[in-house]
C-alpha atoms as a PDB file:
ATOM      1  CA  MET A   1      -2.958 -76.643-140.838  1.00  0.00           C
ATOM      2  CA  GLU A   2      -1.522 -76.022-137.439  1.00  0.00           C
ATOM      3  CA  ARG A   3      -3.668 -72.944-137.188  1.00  0.00           C
ATOM      4  CA  TRP A   4      -6.821 -75.022-137.817  1.00  0.00           C
ATOM      5  CA  LEU A   5      -5.761 -77.587-135.216  1.00  0.00           C
ATOM      6  CA  TRP A   6      -5.263 -74.792-132.721  1.00  0.00           C
ATOM      7  CA  ILE A   7      -8.720 -73.364-133.529  1.00  0.00           C
ATOM      8  CA  LEU A   8     -10.313 -76.820-133.169  1.00  0.00           C
ATOM      9  CA  ALA A   9      -8.548 -77.321-129.840  1.00  0.00           C
ATOM     10  CA  MET A  10      -9.853 -73.972-128.624  1.00  0.00           C
ATOM     11  CA  VAL A  11     -13.388 -74.843-129.741  1.00  0.00           C
ATOM     12  CA  PHE A  12     -13.282 -78.198-127.909  1.00  0.00           C
ATOM     13  CA  ALA A  13     -11.822 -76.552-124.840  1.00  0.00           C
ATOM     14  CA  ALA A  14     -14.572 -73.932-124.876  1.00  0.00           C
ATOM     15  CA  ALA A  15     -17.200 -76.648-125.305  1.00  0.00           C
ATOM     16  CA  GLY A  16     -15.700 -78.545-122.373  1.00  0.00           C
ATOM     17  CA  CYS A  17     -15.722 -75.424-120.221  1.00  0.00           C
ATOM     18  CA  GLN A  18     -19.314 -74.751-121.207  1.00  0.00           C
ATOM     19  CA  ARG A  19     -20.281 -78.320-120.187  1.00  0.00           C
ATOM     20  CA  ASP A  20     -18.492 -77.866-116.841  1.00  0.00           C
ATOM     21  CA  VAL A  21     -20.309 -74.564-116.301  1.00  0.00           C
ATOM     22  CA  GLU A  22     -23.644 -76.147-117.254  1.00  0.00           C
ATOM     23  CA  THR A  23     -23.007 -79.114-114.909  1.00  0.00           C
ATOM     24  CA  SER A  24     -22.043 -76.766-112.088  1.00  0.00           C
ATOM     25  CA  LEU A  25     -25.115 -74.594-112.673  1.00  0.00           C
ATOM     26  CA  TRP A  26     -27.349 -77.677-112.795  1.00  0.00           C
ATOM     27  CA  GLN A  27     -25.948 -78.919-109.466  1.00  0.00           C
ATOM     28  CA  GLN A  28     -26.404 -75.497-107.890  1.00  0.00           C
ATOM     29  CA  ASN A  29     -29.938 -75.318-109.230  1.00  0.00           C
ATOM     30  CA  LYS A  30     -30.701 -78.785-107.830  1.00  0.00           C
ATOM     31  CA  GLN A  31     -29.254 -77.868-104.427  1.00  0.00           C
ATOM     32  CA  LEU A  32     -31.221 -74.606-104.300  1.00  0.00           C
ATOM     33  CA  SER A  33     -34.388 -76.451-105.297  1.00  0.00           C
ATOM     34  CA  GLU A  34     -33.888 -78.972-102.462  1.00  0.00           C
ATOM     35  CA  GLU A  35     -33.211 -76.173 -99.979  1.00  0.00           C
ATOM     36  CA  LYS A  36     -36.351 -74.366-101.166  1.00  0.00           C
ATOM     37  CA  THR A  37     -38.412 -77.546-100.635  1.00  0.00           C
ATOM     38  CA  GLU A  38     -36.963 -78.009 -97.131  1.00  0.00           C
ATOM     39  CA  LEU A  39     -37.692 -74.385 -96.235  1.00  0.00           C
ATOM     40  CA  LYS A  40     -41.219 -74.673 -97.596  1.00  0.00           C
ATOM     41  CA  LEU A  41     -41.846 -77.781 -95.454  1.00  0.00           C
ATOM     42  CA  ALA A  42     -40.341 -76.038 -92.409  1.00  0.00           C
ATOM     43  CA  VAL A  43     -42.626 -73.016 -92.966  1.00  0.00           C
ATOM     44  CA  GLU A  44     -45.654 -75.312 -93.255  1.00  0.00           C
ATOM     45  CA  ARG A  45     -44.676 -77.140 -90.061  1.00  0.00           C
ATOM     46  CA  LEU A  46     -44.174 -73.866 -88.163  1.00  0.00           C
ATOM     47  CA  GLN A  47     -47.496 -72.573 -89.483  1.00  0.00           C
ATOM     48  CA  LYS A  48     -49.269 -75.675 -88.150  1.00  0.00           C
ATOM     49  CA  GLU A  49     -47.557 -75.266 -84.762  1.00  0.00           C
ATOM     50  CA  ASN A  50     -48.495 -71.580 -84.722  1.00  0.00           C
ATOM     51  CA  ASP A  51     -52.130 -72.382 -85.581  1.00  0.00           C
ATOM     52  CA  ALA A  52     -52.246 -74.993 -82.791  1.00  0.00           C
ATOM     53  CA  LEU A  53     -50.779 -72.525 -80.266  1.00  0.00           C
ATOM     54  CA  ALA A  54     -53.194 -69.804 -81.376  1.00  0.00           C
ATOM     55  CA  GLU A  55     -56.101 -72.219 -80.870  1.00  0.00           C
ATOM     56  CA  GLN A  56     -54.735 -73.142 -77.439  1.00  0.00           C
ATOM     57  CA  VAL A  57     -54.459 -69.471 -76.431  1.00  0.00           C
ATOM     58  CA  LYS A  58     -57.987 -68.851 -77.704  1.00  0.00           C
ATOM     59  CA  THR A  59     -59.322 -71.782 -75.654  1.00  0.00           C
ATOM     60  CA  LEU A  60     -57.469 -70.690 -72.505  1.00  0.00           C
ATOM     61  CA  ALA A  61     -58.641 -67.087 -72.920  1.00  0.00           C
ATOM     62  CA  ALA A  62     -62.248 -68.264 -73.037  1.00  0.00           C
ATOM     63  CA  LEU A  63     -61.914 -70.080 -69.706  1.00  0.00           C
ATOM     64  CA  ASP A  64     -62.029 -68.244 -66.412  1.00  0.00           C
ATOM     65  CA  ARG A  65     -58.672 -68.439 -64.607  1.00  0.00           C
ATOM     66  CA  ASP A  66     -60.218 -69.549 -61.305  1.00  0.00           C
ATOM     67  CA  VAL A  67     -62.291 -72.200 -63.080  1.00  0.00           C
ATOM     68  CA  ARG A  68     -59.185 -73.539 -64.813  1.00  0.00           C
ATOM     69  CA  TRP A  69     -57.251 -73.590 -61.541  1.00  0.00           C
ATOM     70  CA  ALA A  70     -60.100 -75.347 -59.735  1.00  0.00           C
ATOM     71  CA  GLY A  71     -60.126 -78.024 -62.419  1.00  0.00           C
ATOM     72  CA  LEU A  72     -56.461 -78.943 -61.948  1.00  0.00           C
ATOM     73  CA  VAL A  73     -55.577 -82.017 -59.920  1.00  0.00           C
ATOM     74  CA  VAL A  74     -52.845 -80.899 -57.521  1.00  0.00           C
ATOM     75  CA  PRO A  75     -51.492 -82.299 -54.261  1.00  0.00           C
ATOM     76  CA  VAL A  76     -52.848 -80.712 -51.110  1.00  0.00           C
ATOM     77  CA  GLN A  77     -51.233 -83.109 -48.654  1.00  0.00           C
ATOM     78  CA  ILE A  78     -48.534 -85.765 -48.448  1.00  0.00           C
ATOM     79  CA  ARG A  79     -48.675 -89.025 -46.527  1.00  0.00           C
ATOM     80  CA  LEU A  80     -45.843 -91.222 -45.306  1.00  0.00           C
ATOM     81  CA  GLY A  81     -46.655 -94.887 -45.856  1.00  0.00           C
ATOM     82  CA  ARG A  82     -46.784 -97.454 -43.059  1.00  0.00           C
ATOM     83  CA  TYR A  83     -43.776 -99.329 -44.450  1.00  0.00           C
ATOM     84  CA  THR A  84     -41.525 -96.305 -44.022  1.00  0.00           C
ATOM     85  CA  GLY A  85     -38.628 -97.347 -41.806  1.00  0.00           C
ATOM     86  CA  PHE A  86     -35.213 -99.003 -41.586  1.00  0.00           C
ATOM     87  CA  TYR A  87     -34.377-102.132 -43.533  1.00  0.00           C
ATOM     88  CA  GLU A  88     -31.265-104.197 -43.898  1.00  0.00           C
ATOM     89  CA  LYS A  89     -30.073-104.466 -47.449  1.00  0.00           C
ATOM     90  CA  ALA A  90     -29.393-108.058 -48.395  1.00  0.00           C
ATOM     91  CA  LYS A  91     -26.231-107.451 -50.459  1.00  0.00           C
ATOM     92  CA  ASP A  92     -23.994-105.510 -48.102  1.00  0.00           C
ATOM     93  CA  GLY A  93     -25.859-105.921 -44.815  1.00  0.00           C
ATOM     94  CA  LYS A  94     -26.021-102.140 -44.310  1.00  0.00           C
ATOM     95  CA  ASP A  95     -29.182-100.446 -43.182  1.00  0.00           C
ATOM     96  CA  ALA A  96     -31.189 -98.148 -45.440  1.00  0.00           C
ATOM     97  CA  LEU A  97     -34.031 -95.803 -44.654  1.00  0.00           C
ATOM     98  CA  MET A  98     -36.955 -96.524 -46.965  1.00  0.00           C
ATOM     99  CA  VAL A  99     -39.479 -93.720 -47.353  1.00  0.00           C
ATOM    100  CA  TYR A 100     -42.887 -94.369 -48.911  1.00  0.00           C
ATOM    101  CA  LEU A 101     -44.320 -90.992 -49.869  1.00  0.00           C
ATOM    102  CA  THR A 102     -47.760 -90.408 -51.396  1.00  0.00           C
ATOM    103  CA  PRO A 103     -48.967 -87.001 -52.626  1.00  0.00           C
ATOM    104  CA  LEU A 104     -52.749 -86.724 -52.175  1.00  0.00           C
ATOM    105  CA  ASP A 105     -55.271 -84.528 -53.954  1.00  0.00           C
ATOM    106  CA  ALA A 106     -58.309 -82.854 -52.408  1.00  0.00           C
ATOM    107  CA  THR A 107     -60.290 -86.110 -52.567  1.00  0.00           C
ATOM    108  CA  GLN A 108     -57.465 -88.055 -50.859  1.00  0.00           C
ATOM    109  CA  ASP A 109     -56.514 -89.903 -54.046  1.00  0.00           C
ATOM    110  CA  ALA A 110     -52.840 -90.640 -54.716  1.00  0.00           C
ATOM    111  CA  ILE A 111     -51.390 -88.633 -57.603  1.00  0.00           C
ATOM    112  CA  LYS A 112     -48.001 -88.715 -59.297  1.00  0.00           C
ATOM    113  CA  ALA A 113     -47.213 -85.050 -58.755  1.00  0.00           C
ATOM    114  CA  ALA A 114     -43.989 -83.503 -60.036  1.00  0.00           C
ATOM    115  CA  GLY A 115     -41.754 -82.002 -57.393  1.00  0.00           C
ATOM    116  CA  SER A 116     -38.645 -82.309 -55.273  1.00  0.00           C
ATOM    117  CA  VAL A 117     -38.279 -83.881 -51.837  1.00  0.00           C
ATOM    118  CA  GLN A 118     -36.140 -83.132 -48.808  1.00  0.00           C
ATOM    119  CA  ILE A 119     -35.913 -85.827 -46.133  1.00  0.00           C
ATOM    120  CA  GLU A 120     -34.391 -85.325 -42.693  1.00  0.00           C
ATOM    121  CA  LEU A 121     -33.802 -87.854 -39.932  1.00  0.00           C
ATOM    122  CA  TRP A 122     -33.677 -86.616 -36.343  1.00  0.00           C
ATOM    123  CA  ASP A 123     -32.853 -87.972 -32.909  1.00  0.00           C
ATOM    124  CA  LEU A 124     -34.842 -85.558 -30.764  1.00  0.00           C
ATOM    125  CA  SER A 125     -33.415 -87.045 -27.559  1.00  0.00           C
ATOM    126  CA  ALA A 126     -29.853 -86.061 -28.539  1.00  0.00           C
ATOM    127  CA  GLU A 127     -28.072 -82.770 -27.916  1.00  0.00           C
ATOM    128  CA  PRO A 128     -29.187 -80.085 -30.426  1.00  0.00           C
ATOM    129  CA  ALA A 129     -25.844 -80.106 -32.258  1.00  0.00           C
ATOM    130  CA  ALA A 130     -26.092 -83.857 -32.857  1.00  0.00           C
ATOM    131  CA  ALA A 131     -29.859 -84.151 -33.311  1.00  0.00           C
ATOM    132  CA  LYS A 132     -29.909 -84.188 -37.119  1.00  0.00           C
ATOM    133  CA  LEU A 133     -28.711 -87.598 -38.292  1.00  0.00           C
ATOM    134  CA  GLY A 134     -29.066 -87.225 -42.035  1.00  0.00           C
ATOM    135  CA  THR A 135     -30.448 -85.178 -44.907  1.00  0.00           C
ATOM    136  CA  TRP A 136     -31.366 -86.395 -48.390  1.00  0.00           C
ATOM    137  CA  HIS A 137     -32.423 -84.273 -51.373  1.00  0.00           C
ATOM    138  CA  ILE A 138     -34.286 -85.873 -54.292  1.00  0.00           C
ATOM    139  CA  SER A 139     -34.680 -83.823 -57.454  1.00  0.00           C
ATOM    140  CA  ALA A 140     -37.883 -83.845 -59.501  1.00  0.00           C
ATOM    141  CA  GLU A 141     -36.012 -85.603 -62.325  1.00  0.00           C
ATOM    142  CA  ASP A 142     -34.898 -88.371 -59.954  1.00  0.00           C
ATOM    143  CA  LEU A 143     -38.209 -88.549 -58.107  1.00  0.00           C
ATOM    144  CA  LYS A 144     -40.283 -89.337 -61.198  1.00  0.00           C
ATOM    145  CA  THR A 145     -38.342 -92.598 -61.664  1.00  0.00           C
ATOM    146  CA  ARG A 146     -39.282 -93.815 -58.174  1.00  0.00           C
ATOM    147  CA  TRP A 147     -43.066 -94.084 -58.626  1.00  0.00           C
ATOM    148  CA  ALA A 148     -44.434 -97.510 -57.685  1.00  0.00           C
ATOM    149  CA  ARG A 149     -47.767 -99.208 -57.089  1.00  0.00           C
ATOM    150  CA  SER A 150     -49.093-101.941 -54.893  1.00  0.00           C
ATOM    151  CA  ILE A 151     -52.538-103.527 -54.868  1.00  0.00           C
ATOM    152  CA  LEU A 152     -53.824-100.956 -52.379  1.00  0.00           C
ATOM    153  CA  ASP A 153     -51.679 -97.889 -52.886  1.00  0.00           C
ATOM    154  CA  SER A 154     -49.423 -95.807 -55.130  1.00  0.00           C
ATOM    155  CA  TYR A 155     -46.359 -93.983 -53.828  1.00  0.00           C
ATOM    156  CA  TYR A 156     -42.855 -92.730 -54.363  1.00  0.00           C
ATOM    157  CA  ARG A 157     -40.432 -95.311 -52.965  1.00  0.00           C
ATOM    158  CA  ILE A 158     -37.299 -93.479 -51.872  1.00  0.00           C
ATOM    159  CA  GLU A 159     -34.216 -95.260 -50.580  1.00  0.00           C
ATOM    160  CA  CYS A 160     -31.979 -93.177 -48.328  1.00  0.00           C
ATOM    161  CA  PRO A 161     -28.597 -94.875 -47.768  1.00  0.00           C
ATOM    162  CA  LEU A 162     -27.171 -94.585 -44.266  1.00  0.00           C
ATOM    163  CA  ASP A 163     -23.540 -95.062 -45.345  1.00  0.00           C
ATOM    164  CA  SER A 164     -22.576 -91.458 -44.636  1.00  0.00           C
ATOM    165  CA  ALA A 165     -24.804 -91.174 -41.582  1.00  0.00           C
ATOM    166  CA  PRO A 166     -24.242 -93.936 -39.006  1.00  0.00           C
ATOM    167  CA  VAL A 167     -27.551 -94.341 -37.193  1.00  0.00           C
ATOM    168  CA  ASP A 168     -28.615 -96.381 -34.196  1.00  0.00           C
ATOM    169  CA  THR A 169     -31.697 -97.917 -35.795  1.00  0.00           C
ATOM    170  CA  SER A 170     -32.747 -99.521 -32.534  1.00  0.00           C
ATOM    171  CA  LYS A 171     -33.775 -96.089 -31.225  1.00  0.00           C
ATOM    172  CA  GLN A 172     -37.026 -94.395 -32.051  1.00  0.00           C
ATOM    173  CA  LEU A 173     -36.259 -91.481 -34.358  1.00  0.00           C
ATOM    174  CA  THR A 174     -38.222 -88.740 -36.096  1.00  0.00           C
ATOM    175  CA  LEU A 175     -38.502 -88.413 -39.856  1.00  0.00           C
ATOM    176  CA  THR A 176     -39.517 -85.141 -41.523  1.00  0.00           C
ATOM    177  CA  VAL A 177     -40.364 -84.905 -45.213  1.00  0.00           C
ATOM    178  CA  LYS A 178     -40.862 -81.759 -47.286  1.00  0.00           C
ATOM    179  CA  PHE A 179     -42.379 -82.056 -50.775  1.00  0.00           C
ATOM    180  CA  THR A 180     -42.214 -79.009 -53.067  1.00  0.00           C
ATOM    181  CA  ASP A 181     -44.905 -79.219 -55.740  1.00  0.00           C
ATOM    182  CA  TYR A 182     -43.637 -77.889 -59.076  1.00  0.00           C
ATOM    183  CA  LEU A 183     -47.088 -76.976 -60.405  1.00  0.00           C
ATOM    184  CA  THR A 184     -48.374 -74.837 -57.528  1.00  0.00           C
ATOM    185  CA  GLY A 185     -45.075 -73.992 -55.820  1.00  0.00           C
ATOM    186  CA  LYS A 186     -46.551 -75.121 -52.500  1.00  0.00           C
ATOM    187  CA  THR A 187     -44.505 -76.963 -49.915  1.00  0.00           C
ATOM    188  CA  LEU A 188     -46.218 -79.875 -48.167  1.00  0.00           C
ATOM    189  CA  ASN A 189     -44.855 -81.427 -44.980  1.00  0.00           C
ATOM    190  CA  ASP A 190     -45.284 -84.615 -43.004  1.00  0.00           C
ATOM    191  CA  GLN A 191     -43.414 -86.255 -40.177  1.00  0.00           C
ATOM    192  CA  ARG A 192     -43.571 -89.413 -38.171  1.00  0.00           C
ATOM    193  CA  ASN A 193     -41.708 -91.341 -35.544  1.00  0.00           C
ATOM    194  CA  ILE A 194     -39.815 -94.248 -37.045  1.00  0.00           C
ATOM    195  CA  PRO A 195     -40.681 -97.397 -35.078  1.00  0.00           C
ATOM    196  CA  LEU A 196     -38.118 -99.816 -33.713  1.00  0.00           C
ATOM    197  CA  ASN A 197     -36.094-101.677 -36.320  1.00  0.00           C
ATOM    198  CA  PRO A 198     -38.457-104.349 -37.766  1.00  0.00           C
ATOM    199  CA  LYS A 199     -35.692-106.937 -38.197  1.00  0.00           C
END
């Protein structure tokens, strides 16, 4: 009798193990099936992207390089706006240099061109060692957040704090601006005398 009980116990144990193995295999099969579906979708997505890129290359290859370049809208000049100058900030009473910069295309239209800006403020009447009063660098990432529009114009509005560069804003000073266009690699320059403080 004990022998039969032992045999039955072994049979049930084997059946239990078989169920565990079947459950484990079913879970593995399900996981592999899901992974296969994900990979299939990824392959389809990459194929679509590849087809789109191949079509783009085909289109670009059919166009003459000079014709394509001539069709691009790129800045050929920059202009400093008439409101460029010194202003007193209401909160802390400190002066700030406000620069209104507009990139212009070949037809003199304002365009929001990507690029970086370097601004320098000079006192040309001072000794050479003390002539440069301040330098500000604006990255392309920062510059794109400063685009603004008015009824008559569009421009980059750049505030240059004077905290680290004490400046006598009652004097007439010279402002130089260098814009590096990220599409063409060209550097465009403009400068102007800053009028007397408008306060």
